Amino acid sequence: MDVSAARRTIMMDLGVWADRTPMHEAACLGRSLALKQLIDNGNPVNIVTVDNTTPLHDACIHGKARCVRLLLQAGAQIEVRNIHGSTALCHACAVGSVECVRLLLDHGAQINPTLTALTATPLHEACTRGNSECVRLLISKGAQLETYDVHTGTPLHTACAKGHTQCAFELLNAGANVNATNFHNTALHHAARVGSADLIDLLVEFGGDINASDNLNRRPLDYTAPDSPARLGLLHCLNSPLSLQQICRIRLRRILGTRALEVLPQLSLCQRILDYLCYK
């Protein structure tokens, strides 16, 4: 339809309930000058479509940082959820726009919003799309690592189910529980299913249990293809016990949990040992 002919219907708390409007179109396409003119002419920044999408949602899902800045400065409400339960921050993380994520966080966006049956956290969204820089930023701002989504489990489960090794590393190094379960599936089960030898090696390095069984009494090895790199990697792990050095690192990191990267540099350790404990 022609967005310039949007049909306004019912007044809502957030503004006007409408079909897509010129405000949405400008935000979506990154037309910051047109958006500023619309705002200056009195168009409501919090106008929502029938699926409860605001111009801020549209700007974020397309990574249009200039438009995001304009909308926030004009008073856009930051925690509005669309019909699927997603906030603007969820959209920015899904698309991997670090600049938009920073803007939203600087304006007070909730990094750990309440979950519903339809929603995922911003951290889950970043892990789903493999946006490791967003994952790192969210963790640094206090994103909860063990938030449980009813569909995918923890962010680590999500990253491994999608085969995103760097995202998994950011989570694990920040203290995520490598052996957390989702319907008895661990991150290693997910890594085995996607056939990622690199992910399997990473998870084992952080203490992943290669003998963990799911609700079907199947181990990660049982989900690998014959003669695949993932299967060969798991067989190697089964036949090669961890060294005392590795066991000590895993045990220490498990004790320190999410405080590890903060506490370890304060200890009187040589740089080589510190780098090893911090997985550098």
Protein backbone atom coordinates (compact mmCIF):
# COMPACT_ATOMS: atom_id res chain seq x y z
CA MET A 1 0.00 0.00 0.00
CA ASP A 2 0.98 3.64 -0.31
CA VAL A 3 2.31 4.48 3.14
CA SER A 4 1.48 8.16 2.61
CA ALA A 5 -2.18 7.17 2.64
CA ALA A 6 -2.06 5.30 5.94
CA ARG A 7 -5.45 4.93 7.57
CA ARG A 8 -5.54 6.03 11.21
CA THR A 9 -8.09 4.25 13.36
CA ILE A 10 -7.95 4.00 17.15
CA MET A 11 -6.14 6.20 19.67
CA MET A 12 -3.88 4.16 21.93
CA ASP A 13 -1.77 4.95 25.02
CA LEU A 14 1.36 5.03 22.88
CA GLY A 15 -0.11 7.28 20.23
CA VAL A 16 -2.13 6.40 17.15
CA TRP A 17 -2.90 2.92 15.93
CA ALA A 18 -2.37 2.93 12.18
CA ASP A 19 -1.18 1.12 9.13
CA ARG A 20 2.40 1.90 8.09
CA THR A 21 3.08 5.64 8.02
CA PRO A 22 5.65 8.00 6.51
CA MET A 23 7.36 7.93 9.92
CA HIS A 24 7.83 4.18 9.66
CA GLU A 25 8.95 4.42 6.06
CA ALA A 26 11.58 7.08 6.76
CA ALA A 27 12.91 5.17 9.78
CA CYS A 28 13.01 1.89 7.88
CA LEU A 29 14.92 3.33 4.92
CA GLY A 30 17.28 5.45 6.99
CA ARG A 31 16.02 8.76 5.59
CA SER A 32 17.13 10.82 8.55
CA LEU A 33 16.43 14.23 6.99
CA ALA A 34 12.89 13.25 6.03
CA LEU A 35 12.37 11.73 9.48
CA LYS A 36 13.56 14.93 11.19
CA GLN A 37 11.19 17.00 9.09
CA LEU A 38 8.29 14.69 9.99
CA ILE A 39 9.15 14.98 13.67
CA ASP A 40 9.49 18.77 13.44
CA ASN A 41 6.08 18.90 11.76
CA GLY A 42 4.50 17.24 14.79
CA ASN A 43 4.15 13.65 13.66
CA PRO A 44 3.95 11.33 16.71
CA VAL A 45 7.21 9.45 17.28
CA ASN A 46 5.39 6.65 19.09
CA ILE A 47 2.83 5.90 16.40
CA VAL A 48 2.25 2.14 16.20
CA THR A 49 1.08 -0.09 13.39
CA VAL A 50 -1.54 -2.80 13.78
CA ASP A 51 1.23 -5.20 14.84
CA ASN A 52 2.43 -2.67 17.43
CA THR A 53 5.57 -1.74 15.53
CA THR A 54 6.94 1.74 16.19
CA PRO A 55 9.27 3.76 13.95
CA LEU A 56 12.00 2.93 16.49
CA HIS A 57 11.45 -0.78 15.87
CA ASP A 58 11.79 -0.21 12.13
CA ALA A 59 14.94 1.89 12.47
CA CYS A 60 16.56 -0.76 14.69
CA ILE A 61 15.69 -3.81 12.61
CA HIS A 62 17.39 -2.13 9.64
CA GLY A 63 20.34 -0.79 11.64
CA LYS A 64 19.63 2.88 10.88
CA ALA A 65 21.54 4.49 13.74
CA ARG A 66 20.93 8.12 12.72
CA CYS A 67 17.20 7.54 12.70
CA VAL A 68 17.40 5.74 16.03
CA ARG A 69 19.20 8.75 17.52
CA LEU A 70 16.61 11.18 16.14
CA LEU A 71 13.70 9.14 17.49
CA LEU A 72 15.25 8.75 20.92
CA GLN A 73 16.00 12.46 21.13
CA ALA A 74 12.37 13.15 20.18
CA GLY A 75 11.07 11.00 23.03
CA ALA A 76 10.52 7.59 21.45
CA GLN A 77 9.40 5.05 24.05
CA ILE A 78 12.15 2.49 24.22
CA GLU A 79 10.46 -0.53 25.82
CA VAL A 80 7.48 -0.88 23.48
CA ARG A 81 7.01 -4.50 22.38
CA ASN A 82 5.64 -5.45 19.00
CA ILE A 83 3.07 -8.19 18.51
CA HIS A 84 5.84 -10.80 18.81
CA GLY A 85 7.06 -9.36 22.10
CA SER A 86 10.29 -7.88 20.73
CA THR A 87 11.71 -4.57 21.89
CA ALA A 88 13.81 -2.21 19.82
CA LEU A 89 16.92 -3.59 21.54
CA CYS A 90 16.00 -7.11 20.45
CA HIS A 91 15.76 -5.87 16.87
CA ALA A 92 19.10 -4.05 17.03
CA CYS A 93 20.80 -7.18 18.39
CA ALA A 94 19.17 -9.40 15.78
CA VAL A 95 20.53 -7.26 12.96
CA GLY A 96 23.92 -6.87 14.64
CA SER A 97 24.00 -3.07 14.76
CA VAL A 98 26.43 -2.30 17.58
CA GLU A 99 25.87 1.44 17.13
CA CYS A 100 22.10 1.07 17.55
CA VAL A 101 22.60 -1.20 20.56
CA ARG A 102 24.87 1.38 22.21
CA LEU A 103 22.37 4.16 21.59
CA LEU A 104 19.53 2.18 23.11
CA LEU A 105 21.55 1.14 26.15
CA ASP A 106 22.71 4.75 26.67
CA HIS A 107 19.04 5.76 26.75
CA GLY A 108 18.16 3.16 29.38
CA ALA A 109 16.96 0.17 27.36
CA GLN A 110 16.39 -2.91 29.54
CA ILE A 111 19.11 -5.40 28.81
CA ASN A 112 17.27 -8.21 30.61
CA PRO A 113 13.58 -7.74 29.75
CA THR A 114 10.92 -10.03 31.14
CA LEU A 115 10.46 -13.11 28.98
CA THR A 116 7.15 -14.40 27.67
CA ALA A 117 6.28 -17.47 25.61
CA LEU A 118 6.88 -15.41 22.47
CA THR A 119 10.01 -13.49 23.38
CA ALA A 120 13.75 -13.97 23.56
CA THR A 121 16.23 -11.70 25.29
CA PRO A 122 18.49 -9.34 23.34
CA LEU A 123 21.36 -11.71 24.15
CA HIS A 124 19.46 -14.66 22.64
CA GLU A 125 18.77 -12.57 19.53
CA ALA A 126 22.45 -11.69 19.13
CA CYS A 127 23.43 -15.35 19.56
CA THR A 128 20.82 -16.52 17.05
CA ARG A 129 22.31 -14.34 14.32
CA GLY A 130 25.95 -14.84 15.34
CA ASN A 131 26.59 -11.21 16.25
CA SER A 132 29.56 -11.75 18.57
CA GLU A 133 30.37 -8.05 18.96
CA CYS A 134 26.84 -7.42 20.22
CA VAL A 135 27.15 -10.44 22.51
CA ARG A 136 30.36 -9.02 23.98
CA LEU A 137 28.79 -5.59 24.47
CA LEU A 138 25.66 -6.99 26.12
CA ILE A 139 27.72 -9.11 28.50
CA SER A 140 29.82 -6.09 29.46
CA LYS A 141 26.61 -4.22 30.33
CA GLY A 142 25.25 -6.96 32.56
CA ALA A 143 23.26 -9.31 30.33
CA GLN A 144 22.25 -12.43 32.25
CA LEU A 145 24.00 -15.51 30.89
CA GLU A 146 21.60 -18.17 32.13
CA THR A 147 18.26 -16.63 31.13
CA TYR A 148 16.14 -19.50 29.89
CA ASP A 149 14.07 -19.23 26.73
CA VAL A 150 11.36 -21.91 26.55
CA HIS A 151 12.20 -22.69 22.93
CA THR A 152 16.00 -22.68 22.80
CA GLY A 153 17.24 -22.69 26.40
CA THR A 154 20.13 -20.46 27.45
CA PRO A 155 22.00 -18.10 25.10
CA LEU A 156 24.79 -20.71 24.96
CA HIS A 157 22.32 -23.32 23.71
CA THR A 158 21.17 -20.85 21.08
CA ALA A 159 24.70 -20.02 19.91
CA CYS A 160 25.64 -23.70 19.64
CA ALA A 161 22.41 -24.73 17.94
CA LYS A 162 23.19 -22.13 15.27
CA GLY A 163 26.87 -23.07 15.04
CA HIS A 164 28.23 -19.69 16.15
CA THR A 165 31.59 -20.51 17.73
CA GLN A 166 32.70 -16.95 18.54
CA CYS A 167 29.43 -16.18 20.31
CA ALA A 168 29.82 -19.37 22.32
CA PHE A 169 33.35 -18.35 23.30
CA GLU A 170 32.21 -14.93 24.52
CA LEU A 171 29.53 -16.57 26.68
CA LEU A 172 31.79 -19.28 28.06
CA ASN A 173 34.65 -16.94 28.83
CA ALA A 174 32.21 -14.69 30.68
CA GLY A 175 31.17 -17.61 32.88
CA ALA A 176 28.21 -19.28 31.16
CA ASN A 177 27.43 -22.79 32.42
CA VAL A 178 28.82 -25.12 29.76
CA ASN A 179 26.73 -28.06 31.01
CA ALA A 180 23.37 -26.30 31.41
CA THR A 181 20.53 -28.41 30.03
CA ASN A 182 17.50 -27.71 27.88
CA PHE A 183 15.20 -30.74 27.86
CA HIS A 184 18.33 -32.68 28.90
CA ASN A 185 20.27 -31.35 25.90
CA THR A 186 23.58 -29.68 26.63
CA ALA A 187 25.46 -27.26 24.40
CA LEU A 188 27.59 -30.22 23.28
CA HIS A 189 24.49 -32.01 22.00
CA HIS A 190 23.67 -28.96 19.89
CA ALA A 191 27.26 -28.65 18.62
CA ALA A 192 27.22 -32.32 17.64
CA ARG A 193 23.93 -31.90 15.76
CA VAL A 194 25.30 -29.04 13.65
CA GLY A 195 28.52 -30.99 13.11
CA SER A 196 30.87 -28.27 14.32
CA ALA A 197 34.23 -29.72 15.37
CA ASP A 198 35.43 -26.26 16.41
CA LEU A 199 32.47 -25.79 18.73
CA ILE A 200 32.98 -29.23 20.22
CA ASP A 201 36.66 -28.50 20.90
CA LEU A 202 35.73 -25.18 22.50
CA LEU A 203 33.07 -26.67 24.76
CA VAL A 204 35.36 -29.47 25.90
CA GLU A 205 38.08 -26.91 26.68
CA PHE A 206 35.61 -25.20 29.01
CA GLY A 207 34.62 -28.46 30.70
CA GLY A 208 31.77 -29.71 28.56
CA ASP A 209 30.66 -33.22 29.58
CA ILE A 210 31.08 -35.48 26.54
CA ASN A 211 29.21 -38.29 28.34
CA ALA A 212 26.09 -36.26 29.17
CA SER A 213 22.87 -38.00 28.08
CA ASP A 214 19.71 -36.32 26.83
CA ASN A 215 16.11 -37.43 27.43
CA LEU A 216 16.58 -40.14 24.79
CA ASN A 217 19.68 -41.41 26.61
CA ARG A 218 21.87 -40.27 23.73
CA ARG A 219 25.28 -38.69 24.10
CA PRO A 220 26.65 -35.93 21.84
CA LEU A 221 28.60 -38.60 19.93
CA ASP A 222 25.33 -40.25 18.92
CA TYR A 223 24.30 -37.14 16.97
CA THR A 224 27.40 -36.95 14.78
CA ALA A 225 27.71 -38.29 11.26
CA PRO A 226 30.02 -41.27 10.63
CA ASP A 227 33.64 -40.23 9.91
CA SER A 228 32.74 -36.55 10.28
CA PRO A 229 35.24 -34.11 11.88
CA ALA A 230 32.77 -33.64 14.74
CA ARG A 231 32.62 -37.39 15.42
CA LEU A 232 36.39 -37.82 15.16
CA GLY A 233 36.85 -34.90 17.54
CA LEU A 234 34.53 -36.41 20.13
CA LEU A 235 36.16 -39.83 19.80
CA HIS A 236 39.54 -38.20 20.38
CA CYS A 237 38.18 -36.52 23.52
CA LEU A 238 36.75 -39.83 24.75
CA ASN A 239 40.09 -41.54 24.29
CA SER A 240 42.26 -38.68 25.58
CA PRO A 241 41.58 -37.66 29.19
CA LEU A 242 42.06 -34.01 30.09
CA SER A 243 45.47 -33.05 31.42
CA LEU A 244 45.88 -32.01 35.05
CA GLN A 245 46.58 -28.52 33.74
CA GLN A 246 43.25 -28.40 31.92
CA ILE A 247 41.36 -29.86 34.86
CA CYS A 248 42.80 -27.21 37.19
CA ARG A 249 41.81 -24.42 34.80
CA ILE A 250 38.26 -25.71 34.43
CA ARG A 251 37.91 -26.16 38.18
CA LEU A 252 39.19 -22.68 38.97
CA ARG A 253 37.02 -21.03 36.35
CA ARG A 254 34.00 -22.95 37.59
CA ILE A 255 34.61 -21.75 41.16
CA LEU A 256 35.03 -18.12 40.08
CA GLY A 257 32.09 -18.26 37.66
CA THR A 258 31.12 -14.93 36.14
CA ARG A 259 33.71 -13.13 38.32
CA ALA A 260 36.66 -14.93 36.76
CA LEU A 261 37.82 -12.29 34.28
CA GLU A 262 37.56 -9.66 37.01
CA VAL A 263 39.29 -11.64 39.77
CA LEU A 264 42.09 -13.40 37.88
CA PRO A 265 44.03 -10.23 36.87
CA GLN A 266 44.14 -9.26 40.56
CA LEU A 267 46.08 -12.40 41.48
CA SER A 268 49.87 -12.51 41.56
CA LEU A 269 50.25 -14.63 38.46
CA CYS A 270 52.75 -14.47 35.62
CA GLN A 271 51.29 -13.31 32.32
CA ARG A 272 51.57 -16.72 30.70
CA ILE A 273 49.49 -18.42 33.40
CA LEU A 274 47.00 -15.54 33.42
CA ASP A 275 46.55 -15.81 29.65
CA TYR A 276 45.98 -19.55 29.96
CA LEU A 277 43.35 -19.14 32.66
CA CYS A 278 41.62 -16.42 30.62
CA TYR A 279 41.66 -18.58 27.45
CA LYS A 280 43.76 -16.11 25.49
